[in-house]
Amino acid sequence: MGIEGNIRHSYYDAFNLIIDDFEFDTRTKQPPSNEVNALISFGNMLCYSQCLKAIHQTQLNPVISFLHAPGERRYSLSLDLAEIFKPLLVDRVIFRVLNKKELQKKDFDKKLNGVILKDKGKKTFISAIEERLSETIQHRTLNKHVSYKHLIKLECYKLQKHCLGLEEYKPFKMWW
């Protein structure tokens, strides 16, 4: 987890090279300190929900995880799975909606020492995430087009096979 955290920190440092018109200093939560942090928090929540939905479609137990410590009222397996898909889904959508000016400063509300998305901004971002989830790629081993949404479910099936001792788990890696 420490290594992953350090890598994520370095990754976030590069956001200012990618994003136009918005500043991103450091990752802050509860409350997010700027617009980019608000989008990361909101997007991560959407990614966790999508991962949890995929987990519920398998026989995996969402409270038993590998990376994140289990806790009360916490589905830590969805947090584990989301680590794989946040850069592909959330971060790419953030770059798109900000750089194509689909979201602008007026779509955020600054209050209570933090920044949140306004309702219109949420709708725009959710629409962009749903669009991304429905995009397809040519899967290398299945030899057919699959959506990003289906990739999450396929990752659950790989975990399930690993838990049953049928196949060694190899996490998803982007190949394009």
Foldseek 3Di string as FASTA:
>chain_A
DVVLVVVVFVVQVCVVVLFPPFDDDGADVPPAQGDLNQLLVLLLVVQLVLLVVLLVVDPDQQQDDDPDHGDPPDRCNSVVLSSQCCVVQRVVLSSVCRRVVVDDPVQWDDDPNHIHGDPVRSVSSVVSSVVQQQDWDQDDPVRHIDGVSVVSNVLSVLVVCVVVVNDPRDDDDDDD
